[in-house]
Amino acid sequence: MLERNQLPLRPAAPGFAIAWVTVIAGASVALSLLFACVTPFVALAAVSAVVLPRKMAIMAVLLAWLANQTVGYLILGYPQTFDSFAWGLAIGIAAYGSLVASLGVLRLKASLAVTMAGAFIAGFVAYETVLFAATVVLPSGDGAFSAAVVAEVFLINSLAAIGLICLHAGAAAGRALVAAQPGPALP
């Protein structure tokens, strides 16, 4: 199990943090292809907030959103209308809001599990609040914020967060194994 002092990755090699940003952006592409409009930005933001230094987390969420929009418009054929572009921007703002809320939880002194859960919950509330607020000026379906839809978004984000945490734990374990390997003997 990861200890609190292993997160964020500031003590680790900078290359590992950069690789993790790449993983987050790549996960966004895969998850965008799988879930389209329900890309789990809350999971991406919460995990990034916990495992990355602040600037790297911002970069990861920005790249994840850009990757999602690129996949949406170039591969999935999102309509190229004002409403569609505006909703894309609203989703980007919501993803950033989720990150800010998740980062705010890091100030609390709690165990890693409580920190991750708190970052996820705070991020989810911020994300949904921003999107709901956007419905004041942007068109939305009647059931877009029904209990069933919000529950589905929560489930997708929960599963994605668990997957990303497991991926991070595996990478951290692999990093520890590589660091523990003795170097070649010098003559």
N, C-alpha and C. Protein backbone atom coordinates (compact mmCIF):
# COMPACT_ATOMS: atom_id res chain seq x y z
N MET A 1 0.84 -1.17 0.00
CA MET A 1 0.00 0.00 0.00
C MET A 1 0.89 1.24 0.00
N LEU A 2 0.47 2.25 -0.75
CA LEU A 2 1.24 3.47 -0.80
C LEU A 2 1.10 4.25 0.49
N GLU A 3 2.17 4.84 0.91
CA GLU A 3 2.17 5.68 2.10
C GLU A 3 2.02 7.13 1.68
N ARG A 4 1.57 7.95 2.58
CA ARG A 4 1.35 9.36 2.30
C ARG A 4 2.62 10.04 1.79
N ASN A 5 3.78 9.64 2.32
CA ASN A 5 5.01 10.30 1.91
C ASN A 5 5.44 9.94 0.48
N GLN A 6 4.77 8.97 -0.14
CA GLN A 6 5.07 8.63 -1.53
C GLN A 6 4.30 9.52 -2.50
N LEU A 7 3.38 10.30 -2.00
CA LEU A 7 2.55 11.15 -2.83
C LEU A 7 2.62 12.57 -2.32
N PRO A 8 2.62 13.58 -3.13
CA PRO A 8 2.76 13.51 -4.56
C PRO A 8 4.15 13.06 -4.98
N LEU A 9 4.41 13.04 -6.26
CA LEU A 9 5.63 12.44 -6.78
C LEU A 9 6.84 13.36 -6.77
N ARG A 10 6.77 14.45 -6.06
CA ARG A 10 7.90 15.39 -6.05
C ARG A 10 9.22 14.75 -5.66
N PRO A 11 9.24 13.81 -4.69
CA PRO A 11 10.53 13.20 -4.37
C PRO A 11 11.01 12.25 -5.47
N ALA A 12 10.12 11.83 -6.36
CA ALA A 12 10.49 10.86 -7.39
C ALA A 12 11.20 11.57 -8.54
N ALA A 13 11.74 10.77 -9.42
CA ALA A 13 12.41 11.31 -10.60
C ALA A 13 11.40 12.14 -11.40
N PRO A 14 11.82 13.31 -11.87
CA PRO A 14 10.90 14.15 -12.64
C PRO A 14 10.33 13.43 -13.85
N GLY A 15 11.08 12.52 -14.43
CA GLY A 15 10.59 11.76 -15.58
C GLY A 15 9.36 10.94 -15.26
N PHE A 16 9.26 10.47 -14.03
CA PHE A 16 8.09 9.68 -13.64
C PHE A 16 6.84 10.55 -13.61
N ALA A 17 6.95 11.78 -13.10
CA ALA A 17 5.81 12.69 -13.07
C ALA A 17 5.39 13.05 -14.49
N ILE A 18 6.35 13.30 -15.36
CA ILE A 18 6.03 13.61 -16.76
C ILE A 18 5.36 12.41 -17.42
N ALA A 19 5.85 11.22 -17.13
CA ALA A 19 5.23 10.01 -17.68
C ALA A 19 3.80 9.88 -17.19
N TRP A 20 3.55 10.25 -15.92
CA TRP A 20 2.20 10.13 -15.38
C TRP A 20 1.26 11.13 -16.05
N VAL A 21 1.73 12.32 -16.38
CA VAL A 21 0.92 13.28 -17.13
C VAL A 21 0.55 12.67 -18.48
N THR A 22 1.50 12.03 -19.12
CA THR A 22 1.24 11.37 -20.39
C THR A 22 0.21 10.26 -20.22
N VAL A 23 0.30 9.50 -19.14
CA VAL A 23 -0.68 8.43 -18.86
C VAL A 23 -2.07 9.03 -18.70
N ILE A 24 -2.19 10.14 -17.98
CA ILE A 24 -3.49 10.78 -17.77
C ILE A 24 -4.07 11.24 -19.11
N ALA A 25 -3.25 11.86 -19.94
CA ALA A 25 -3.72 12.32 -21.25
C ALA A 25 -4.12 11.12 -22.12
N GLY A 26 -3.32 10.07 -22.08
CA GLY A 26 -3.64 8.86 -22.84
C GLY A 26 -4.91 8.19 -22.33
N ALA A 27 -5.07 8.18 -21.02
CA ALA A 27 -6.30 7.62 -20.45
C ALA A 27 -7.50 8.43 -20.89
N SER A 28 -7.34 9.73 -21.03
CA SER A 28 -8.44 10.57 -21.49
C SER A 28 -8.85 10.18 -22.90
N VAL A 29 -7.89 9.92 -23.76
CA VAL A 29 -8.21 9.50 -25.13
C VAL A 29 -8.99 8.19 -25.10
N ALA A 30 -8.47 7.21 -24.37
CA ALA A 30 -9.15 5.91 -24.30
C ALA A 30 -10.54 6.03 -23.68
N LEU A 31 -10.63 6.78 -22.60
CA LEU A 31 -11.92 6.93 -21.92
C LEU A 31 -12.89 7.77 -22.74
N SER A 32 -12.38 8.71 -23.52
CA SER A 32 -13.24 9.50 -24.41
C SER A 32 -13.83 8.61 -25.49
N LEU A 33 -13.02 7.72 -26.03
CA LEU A 33 -13.52 6.78 -27.03
C LEU A 33 -14.57 5.85 -26.44
N LEU A 34 -14.37 5.47 -25.19
CA LEU A 34 -15.28 4.54 -24.53
C LEU A 34 -16.55 5.22 -24.05
N PHE A 35 -16.42 6.38 -23.41
CA PHE A 35 -17.57 7.02 -22.77
C PHE A 35 -18.04 8.31 -23.44
N ALA A 36 -17.31 8.82 -24.43
CA ALA A 36 -17.65 10.06 -25.14
C ALA A 36 -17.90 11.21 -24.18
N CYS A 37 -19.14 11.62 -24.03
CA CYS A 37 -19.46 12.81 -23.22
C CYS A 37 -19.33 12.57 -21.72
N VAL A 38 -19.15 11.34 -21.31
CA VAL A 38 -19.06 11.04 -19.88
C VAL A 38 -17.62 10.66 -19.53
N THR A 39 -16.67 11.27 -20.20
CA THR A 39 -15.27 11.05 -19.86
C THR A 39 -15.09 11.37 -18.38
N PRO A 40 -14.47 10.49 -17.62
CA PRO A 40 -14.38 10.68 -16.16
C PRO A 40 -13.34 11.72 -15.74
N PHE A 41 -13.66 12.98 -16.01
CA PHE A 41 -12.74 14.05 -15.65
C PHE A 41 -12.56 14.18 -14.14
N VAL A 42 -13.56 13.81 -13.37
CA VAL A 42 -13.43 13.88 -11.91
C VAL A 42 -12.32 12.92 -11.46
N ALA A 43 -12.33 11.70 -11.98
CA ALA A 43 -11.30 10.73 -11.63
C ALA A 43 -9.92 11.22 -12.07
N LEU A 44 -9.83 11.72 -13.30
CA LEU A 44 -8.56 12.22 -13.80
C LEU A 44 -8.06 13.38 -12.94
N ALA A 45 -8.97 14.29 -12.56
CA ALA A 45 -8.57 15.45 -11.76
C ALA A 45 -8.19 15.05 -10.34
N ALA A 46 -9.00 14.22 -9.70
CA ALA A 46 -8.74 13.84 -8.30
C ALA A 46 -7.43 13.06 -8.17
N VAL A 47 -7.23 12.10 -9.05
CA VAL A 47 -5.99 11.31 -8.98
C VAL A 47 -4.79 12.20 -9.31
N SER A 48 -4.92 13.05 -10.31
CA SER A 48 -3.82 13.97 -10.64
C SER A 48 -3.50 14.88 -9.46
N ALA A 49 -4.54 15.38 -8.79
CA ALA A 49 -4.33 16.27 -7.63
C ALA A 49 -3.54 15.57 -6.54
N VAL A 50 -3.83 14.31 -6.33
CA VAL A 50 -3.19 13.58 -5.24
C VAL A 50 -1.79 13.10 -5.60
N VAL A 51 -1.58 12.68 -6.84
CA VAL A 51 -0.29 12.05 -7.17
C VAL A 51 0.71 12.96 -7.84
N LEU A 52 0.29 14.13 -8.29
CA LEU A 52 1.20 15.01 -9.01
C LEU A 52 1.42 16.33 -8.29
N PRO A 53 2.56 16.94 -8.52
CA PRO A 53 2.72 18.33 -8.06
C PRO A 53 1.66 19.20 -8.75
N ARG A 54 1.30 20.30 -8.12
CA ARG A 54 0.19 21.16 -8.59
C ARG A 54 0.29 21.54 -10.07
N LYS A 55 1.42 22.04 -10.51
CA LYS A 55 1.55 22.47 -11.90
C LYS A 55 1.41 21.29 -12.87
N MET A 56 1.94 20.16 -12.49
CA MET A 56 1.81 18.97 -13.34
C MET A 56 0.37 18.49 -13.37
N ALA A 57 -0.34 18.60 -12.26
CA ALA A 57 -1.76 18.21 -12.22
C ALA A 57 -2.58 19.10 -13.13
N ILE A 58 -2.29 20.39 -13.12
CA ILE A 58 -3.00 21.32 -14.01
C ILE A 58 -2.73 20.94 -15.46
N MET A 59 -1.47 20.64 -15.78
CA MET A 59 -1.12 20.24 -17.13
C MET A 59 -1.82 18.94 -17.52
N ALA A 60 -1.88 17.99 -16.61
CA ALA A 60 -2.52 16.71 -16.89
C ALA A 60 -4.00 16.90 -17.21
N VAL A 61 -4.70 17.70 -16.41
CA VAL A 61 -6.14 17.91 -16.64
C VAL A 61 -6.36 18.70 -17.93
N LEU A 62 -5.53 19.69 -18.19
CA LEU A 62 -5.66 20.45 -19.44
C LEU A 62 -5.45 19.54 -20.65
N LEU A 63 -4.41 18.72 -20.61
CA LEU A 63 -4.15 17.80 -21.72
C LEU A 63 -5.26 16.77 -21.86
N ALA A 64 -5.80 16.30 -20.73
CA ALA A 64 -6.91 15.34 -20.78
C ALA A 64 -8.12 15.97 -21.45
N TRP A 65 -8.43 17.22 -21.10
CA TRP A 65 -9.57 17.90 -21.71
C TRP A 65 -9.33 18.13 -23.21
N LEU A 66 -8.12 18.59 -23.56
CA LEU A 66 -7.81 18.81 -24.98
C LEU A 66 -7.88 17.51 -25.77
N ALA A 67 -7.39 16.42 -25.18
CA ALA A 67 -7.46 15.12 -25.84
C ALA A 67 -8.91 14.70 -26.03
N ASN A 68 -9.75 14.92 -25.01
CA ASN A 68 -11.16 14.58 -25.10
C ASN A 68 -11.84 15.37 -26.21
N GLN A 69 -11.57 16.66 -26.29
CA GLN A 69 -12.20 17.48 -27.32
C GLN A 69 -11.71 17.08 -28.72
N THR A 70 -10.44 16.77 -28.84
CA THR A 70 -9.89 16.33 -30.12
C THR A 70 -10.54 15.04 -30.58
N VAL A 71 -10.63 14.07 -29.68
CA VAL A 71 -11.29 12.80 -30.01
C VAL A 71 -12.75 13.05 -30.38
N GLY A 72 -13.41 13.89 -29.60
CA GLY A 72 -14.83 14.15 -29.84
C GLY A 72 -15.09 14.76 -31.21
N TYR A 73 -14.34 15.78 -31.56
CA TYR A 73 -14.60 16.48 -32.82
C TYR A 73 -13.99 15.80 -34.03
N LEU A 74 -12.83 15.14 -33.86
CA LEU A 74 -12.18 14.54 -35.03
C LEU A 74 -12.54 13.08 -35.25
N ILE A 75 -12.89 12.35 -34.19
CA ILE A 75 -13.16 10.92 -34.34
C ILE A 75 -14.64 10.59 -34.12
N LEU A 76 -15.20 11.13 -33.04
CA LEU A 76 -16.59 10.78 -32.70
C LEU A 76 -17.62 11.64 -33.41
N GLY A 77 -17.19 12.67 -34.10
CA GLY A 77 -18.10 13.49 -34.90
C GLY A 77 -19.04 14.37 -34.09
N TYR A 78 -18.54 14.95 -32.99
CA TYR A 78 -19.38 15.89 -32.25
C TYR A 78 -19.84 16.98 -33.23
N PRO A 79 -21.05 17.48 -33.07
CA PRO A 79 -21.53 18.54 -33.97
C PRO A 79 -20.70 19.81 -33.77
N GLN A 80 -20.40 20.47 -34.85
CA GLN A 80 -19.59 21.69 -34.76
C GLN A 80 -20.52 22.89 -34.76
N THR A 81 -21.20 23.04 -33.62
CA THR A 81 -22.15 24.13 -33.42
C THR A 81 -21.72 24.96 -32.22
N PHE A 82 -22.31 26.14 -32.10
CA PHE A 82 -22.00 26.99 -30.95
C PHE A 82 -22.29 26.26 -29.65
N ASP A 83 -23.45 25.60 -29.57
CA ASP A 83 -23.83 24.89 -28.33
C ASP A 83 -22.82 23.81 -27.98
N SER A 84 -22.38 23.07 -28.97
CA SER A 84 -21.42 21.99 -28.74
C SER A 84 -20.09 22.55 -28.24
N PHE A 85 -19.59 23.59 -28.90
CA PHE A 85 -18.34 24.21 -28.47
C PHE A 85 -18.48 24.79 -27.06
N ALA A 86 -19.63 25.41 -26.79
CA ALA A 86 -19.85 26.00 -25.47
C ALA A 86 -19.90 24.92 -24.39
N TRP A 87 -20.54 23.79 -24.68
CA TRP A 87 -20.56 22.69 -23.71
C TRP A 87 -19.16 22.11 -23.52
N GLY A 88 -18.38 22.05 -24.61
CA GLY A 88 -17.00 21.60 -24.47
C GLY A 88 -16.21 22.50 -23.54
N LEU A 89 -16.39 23.80 -23.68
CA LEU A 89 -15.73 24.76 -22.80
C LEU A 89 -16.23 24.60 -21.36
N ALA A 90 -17.54 24.42 -21.21
CA ALA A 90 -18.10 24.22 -19.86
C ALA A 90 -17.52 22.97 -19.21
N ILE A 91 -17.35 21.92 -19.98
CA ILE A 91 -16.76 20.69 -19.45
C ILE A 91 -15.31 20.94 -19.03
N GLY A 92 -14.58 21.71 -19.82
CA GLY A 92 -13.20 22.06 -19.46
C GLY A 92 -13.15 22.87 -18.16
N ILE A 93 -14.05 23.82 -18.03
CA ILE A 93 -14.12 24.62 -16.80
C ILE A 93 -14.50 23.72 -15.62
N ALA A 94 -15.43 22.81 -15.85
CA ALA A 94 -15.85 21.88 -14.78
C ALA A 94 -14.69 20.97 -14.38
N ALA A 95 -13.92 20.48 -15.36
CA ALA A 95 -12.76 19.63 -15.05
C ALA A 95 -11.73 20.40 -14.22
N TYR A 96 -11.48 21.66 -14.60
CA TYR A 96 -10.56 22.49 -13.84
C TYR A 96 -11.11 22.76 -12.43
N GLY A 97 -12.41 23.02 -12.33
CA GLY A 97 -13.05 23.22 -11.03
C GLY A 97 -12.92 21.98 -10.16
N SER A 98 -13.04 20.82 -10.79
CA SER A 98 -12.87 19.56 -10.07
C SER A 98 -11.46 19.45 -9.52
N LEU A 99 -10.48 19.83 -10.33
CA LEU A 99 -9.08 19.79 -9.90
C LEU A 99 -8.84 20.75 -8.74
N VAL A 100 -9.36 21.97 -8.84
CA VAL A 100 -9.17 22.96 -7.78
C VAL A 100 -9.78 22.44 -6.47
N ALA A 101 -10.98 21.89 -6.55
CA ALA A 101 -11.62 21.34 -5.34
C ALA A 101 -10.81 20.18 -4.78
N SER A 102 -10.31 19.32 -5.65
CA SER A 102 -9.49 18.18 -5.20
C SER A 102 -8.21 18.66 -4.54
N LEU A 103 -7.58 19.66 -5.14
CA LEU A 103 -6.34 20.20 -4.57
C LEU A 103 -6.60 20.83 -3.20
N GLY A 104 -7.77 21.41 -3.02
CA GLY A 104 -8.12 22.02 -1.74
C GLY A 104 -8.15 21.01 -0.61
N VAL A 105 -8.51 19.79 -0.92
CA VAL A 105 -8.58 18.73 0.09
C VAL A 105 -7.19 18.35 0.58
N LEU A 106 -6.17 18.55 -0.25
CA LEU A 106 -4.81 18.15 0.11
C LEU A 106 -4.27 18.92 1.31
N ARG A 107 -4.89 20.04 1.62
CA ARG A 107 -4.45 20.82 2.78
C ARG A 107 -4.80 20.12 4.10
N LEU A 108 -5.77 19.24 4.05
CA LEU A 108 -6.17 18.53 5.26
C LEU A 108 -5.13 17.48 5.60
N LYS A 109 -4.88 17.29 6.86
CA LYS A 109 -3.94 16.26 7.29
C LYS A 109 -4.74 15.00 7.58
N ALA A 110 -4.73 14.08 6.64
CA ALA A 110 -5.50 12.85 6.78
C ALA A 110 -4.73 11.72 6.12
N SER A 111 -5.21 10.52 6.31
CA SER A 111 -4.57 9.36 5.69
C SER A 111 -4.73 9.45 4.17
N LEU A 112 -3.96 8.66 3.46
CA LEU A 112 -4.02 8.65 2.01
C LEU A 112 -5.41 8.27 1.52
N ALA A 113 -6.02 7.26 2.12
CA ALA A 113 -7.36 6.82 1.69
C ALA A 113 -8.39 7.93 1.89
N VAL A 114 -8.34 8.60 3.03
CA VAL A 114 -9.28 9.69 3.31
C VAL A 114 -9.01 10.86 2.38
N THR A 115 -7.75 11.16 2.14
CA THR A 115 -7.39 12.24 1.23
C THR A 115 -7.91 11.95 -0.17
N MET A 116 -7.69 10.73 -0.67
CA MET A 116 -8.14 10.39 -2.01
C MET A 116 -9.66 10.44 -2.10
N ALA A 117 -10.34 9.87 -1.11
CA ALA A 117 -11.81 9.89 -1.11
C ALA A 117 -12.33 11.33 -1.03
N GLY A 118 -11.72 12.13 -0.18
CA GLY A 118 -12.14 13.53 -0.06
C GLY A 118 -11.89 14.31 -1.34
N ALA A 119 -10.74 14.08 -1.97
CA ALA A 119 -10.44 14.75 -3.24
C ALA A 119 -11.45 14.35 -4.30
N PHE A 120 -11.81 13.09 -4.33
CA PHE A 120 -12.78 12.60 -5.32
C PHE A 120 -14.16 13.22 -5.07
N ILE A 121 -14.63 13.19 -3.85
CA ILE A 121 -15.96 13.72 -3.53
C ILE A 121 -16.01 15.23 -3.80
N ALA A 122 -15.01 15.96 -3.33
CA ALA A 122 -14.97 17.41 -3.56
C ALA A 122 -14.93 17.70 -5.06
N GLY A 123 -14.13 16.94 -5.78
CA GLY A 123 -14.03 17.12 -7.23
C GLY A 123 -15.34 16.82 -7.93
N PHE A 124 -16.03 15.78 -7.50
CA PHE A 124 -17.31 15.41 -8.12
C PHE A 124 -18.35 16.50 -7.89
N VAL A 125 -18.44 16.99 -6.67
CA VAL A 125 -19.41 18.05 -6.36
C VAL A 125 -19.10 19.29 -7.19
N ALA A 126 -17.84 19.69 -7.27
CA ALA A 126 -17.48 20.87 -8.06
C ALA A 126 -17.81 20.67 -9.53
N TYR A 127 -17.47 19.51 -10.07
CA TYR A 127 -17.72 19.21 -11.49
C TYR A 127 -19.20 19.29 -11.82
N GLU A 128 -20.00 18.61 -11.04
CA GLU A 128 -21.45 18.60 -11.30
C GLU A 128 -22.06 19.99 -11.08
N THR A 129 -21.56 20.74 -10.11
CA THR A 129 -22.09 22.08 -9.84
C THR A 129 -21.82 23.01 -11.02
N VAL A 130 -20.60 22.96 -11.56
CA VAL A 130 -20.27 23.81 -12.70
C VAL A 130 -21.13 23.43 -13.90
N LEU A 131 -21.29 22.14 -14.17
CA LEU A 131 -22.10 21.73 -15.31
C LEU A 131 -23.57 22.11 -15.12
N PHE A 132 -24.08 21.94 -13.90
CA PHE A 132 -25.46 22.32 -13.63
C PHE A 132 -25.64 23.83 -13.80
N ALA A 133 -24.68 24.61 -13.35
CA ALA A 133 -24.75 26.06 -13.51
C ALA A 133 -24.74 26.45 -14.99
N ALA A 134 -24.05 25.68 -15.81
CA ALA A 134 -24.00 25.97 -17.24
C ALA A 134 -25.36 25.81 -17.90
N THR A 135 -26.23 25.01 -17.32
CA THR A 135 -27.56 24.82 -17.92
C THR A 135 -28.41 26.09 -17.86
N VAL A 136 -27.96 27.07 -17.09
CA VAL A 136 -28.68 28.35 -17.04
C VAL A 136 -28.59 29.06 -18.40
N VAL A 137 -27.46 28.91 -19.07
CA VAL A 137 -27.26 29.60 -20.34
C VAL A 137 -27.14 28.66 -21.54
N LEU A 138 -26.91 27.39 -21.31
CA LEU A 138 -26.74 26.43 -22.41
C LEU A 138 -27.90 25.44 -22.44
N PRO A 139 -28.28 25.00 -23.63
CA PRO A 139 -29.37 24.03 -23.71
C PRO A 139 -28.97 22.69 -23.10
N SER A 140 -29.95 22.06 -22.44
CA SER A 140 -29.70 20.77 -21.79
C SER A 140 -30.98 19.96 -21.82
N GLY A 141 -30.83 18.65 -21.89
CA GLY A 141 -31.99 17.78 -21.84
C GLY A 141 -32.62 17.78 -20.46
N ASP A 142 -33.90 17.44 -20.42
CA ASP A 142 -34.63 17.43 -19.15
C ASP A 142 -34.01 16.48 -18.13
N GLY A 143 -33.51 15.35 -18.57
CA GLY A 143 -33.00 14.35 -17.65
C GLY A 143 -31.50 14.38 -17.44
N ALA A 144 -30.83 15.43 -17.93
CA ALA A 144 -29.37 15.48 -17.87
C ALA A 144 -28.82 15.41 -16.45
N PHE A 145 -29.59 15.88 -15.47
CA PHE A 145 -29.14 15.86 -14.09
C PHE A 145 -30.09 15.05 -13.21
N SER A 146 -30.72 14.05 -13.82
CA SER A 146 -31.59 13.16 -13.04
C SER A 146 -30.70 12.32 -12.12
N ALA A 147 -31.32 11.76 -11.10
CA ALA A 147 -30.56 10.93 -10.15
C ALA A 147 -29.87 9.78 -10.88
N ALA A 148 -30.54 9.19 -11.85
CA ALA A 148 -29.95 8.05 -12.58
C ALA A 148 -28.71 8.48 -13.37
N VAL A 149 -28.78 9.62 -14.02
CA VAL A 149 -27.65 10.09 -14.81
C VAL A 149 -26.48 10.48 -13.90
N VAL A 150 -26.76 11.21 -12.83
CA VAL A 150 -25.69 11.60 -11.90
C VAL A 150 -25.06 10.35 -11.27
N ALA A 151 -25.88 9.36 -10.94
CA ALA A 151 -25.36 8.11 -10.37
C ALA A 151 -24.46 7.39 -11.37
N GLU A 152 -24.85 7.39 -12.65
CA GLU A 152 -24.03 6.74 -13.68
C GLU A 152 -22.69 7.47 -13.84
N VAL A 153 -22.73 8.79 -13.84
CA VAL A 153 -21.49 9.59 -13.95
C VAL A 153 -20.61 9.31 -12.73
N PHE A 154 -21.22 9.24 -11.56
CA PHE A 154 -20.47 8.94 -10.33
C PHE A 154 -19.83 7.55 -10.42
N LEU A 155 -20.57 6.56 -10.89
CA LEU A 155 -20.05 5.19 -11.01
C LEU A 155 -18.89 5.13 -12.00
N ILE A 156 -19.06 5.74 -13.16
CA ILE A 156 -17.99 5.74 -14.16
C ILE A 156 -16.74 6.40 -13.61
N ASN A 157 -16.90 7.53 -12.94
CA ASN A 157 -15.75 8.22 -12.34
C ASN A 157 -15.12 7.41 -11.22
N SER A 158 -15.94 6.75 -10.41
CA SER A 158 -15.41 5.92 -9.32
C SER A 158 -14.56 4.79 -9.87
N LEU A 159 -15.08 4.09 -10.87
CA LEU A 159 -14.33 2.97 -11.45
C LEU A 159 -13.05 3.45 -12.12
N ALA A 160 -13.12 4.59 -12.80
CA ALA A 160 -11.91 5.14 -13.43
C ALA A 160 -10.89 5.54 -12.37
N ALA A 161 -11.34 6.13 -11.28
CA ALA A 161 -10.41 6.52 -10.20
C ALA A 161 -9.74 5.29 -9.61
N ILE A 162 -10.50 4.25 -9.37
CA ILE A 162 -9.92 3.01 -8.84
C ILE A 162 -8.88 2.45 -9.81
N GLY A 163 -9.21 2.45 -11.08
CA GLY A 163 -8.26 1.96 -12.09
C GLY A 163 -6.99 2.79 -12.13
N LEU A 164 -7.12 4.11 -12.07
CA LEU A 164 -5.95 4.97 -12.09
C LEU A 164 -5.11 4.81 -10.83
N ILE A 165 -5.77 4.65 -9.69
CA ILE A 165 -5.03 4.43 -8.44
C ILE A 165 -4.26 3.12 -8.51
N CYS A 166 -4.90 2.08 -9.02
CA CYS A 166 -4.21 0.78 -9.17
C CYS A 166 -3.03 0.90 -10.14
N LEU A 167 -3.23 1.63 -11.22
CA LEU A 167 -2.15 1.85 -12.17
C LEU A 167 -0.99 2.59 -11.52
N HIS A 168 -1.33 3.61 -10.74
CA HIS A 168 -0.29 4.37 -10.05
C HIS A 168 0.44 3.50 -9.02
N ALA A 169 -0.32 2.71 -8.27
CA ALA A 169 0.30 1.83 -7.27
C ALA A 169 1.23 0.83 -7.94
N GLY A 170 0.80 0.30 -9.09
CA GLY A 170 1.65 -0.63 -9.84
C GLY A 170 2.92 0.04 -10.33
N ALA A 171 2.78 1.27 -10.83
CA ALA A 171 3.95 2.00 -11.31
C ALA A 171 4.88 2.34 -10.16
N ALA A 172 4.30 2.72 -9.01
CA ALA A 172 5.14 3.03 -7.84
C ALA A 172 5.87 1.78 -7.36
N ALA A 173 5.19 0.63 -7.37
CA ALA A 173 5.82 -0.62 -6.97
C ALA A 173 6.93 -0.99 -7.94
N GLY A 174 6.65 -0.82 -9.23
CA GLY A 174 7.67 -1.09 -10.25
C GLY A 174 8.87 -0.18 -10.10
N ARG A 175 8.59 1.09 -9.81
CA ARG A 175 9.67 2.05 -9.60
C ARG A 175 10.52 1.64 -8.40
N ALA A 176 9.87 1.16 -7.34
CA ALA A 176 10.60 0.73 -6.15
C ALA A 176 11.45 -0.50 -6.47
N LEU A 177 10.93 -1.41 -7.28
CA LEU A 177 11.69 -2.60 -7.65
C LEU A 177 12.91 -2.22 -8.48
N VAL A 178 12.73 -1.30 -9.42
CA VAL A 178 13.85 -0.87 -10.26
C VAL A 178 14.90 -0.17 -9.40
N ALA A 179 14.46 0.67 -8.47
CA ALA A 179 15.40 1.39 -7.61
C ALA A 179 16.16 0.45 -6.69
N ALA A 180 15.55 -0.69 -6.34
CA ALA A 180 16.18 -1.63 -5.42
C ALA A 180 17.18 -2.55 -6.13
N GLN A 181 17.19 -2.57 -7.46
CA GLN A 181 18.09 -3.44 -8.21
C GLN A 181 19.52 -2.92 -8.08
N PRO A 182 20.45 -3.83 -7.81
CA PRO A 182 21.85 -3.39 -7.75
C PRO A 182 22.35 -3.06 -9.14
N GLY A 183 23.23 -2.10 -9.21
CA GLY A 183 23.82 -1.72 -10.49
C GLY A 183 24.87 -2.74 -10.91
N PRO A 184 25.37 -2.60 -12.12
CA PRO A 184 26.41 -3.53 -12.59
C PRO A 184 27.69 -3.34 -11.80
N ALA A 185 28.35 -4.44 -11.58
CA ALA A 185 29.62 -4.40 -10.83
C ALA A 185 30.69 -3.77 -11.69
N LEU A 186 31.42 -2.85 -11.12
CA LEU A 186 32.50 -2.21 -11.86
C LEU A 186 33.80 -2.95 -11.56
N PRO A 187 34.64 -3.15 -12.58
CA PRO A 187 35.91 -3.85 -12.37
C PRO A 187 36.89 -3.07 -11.56
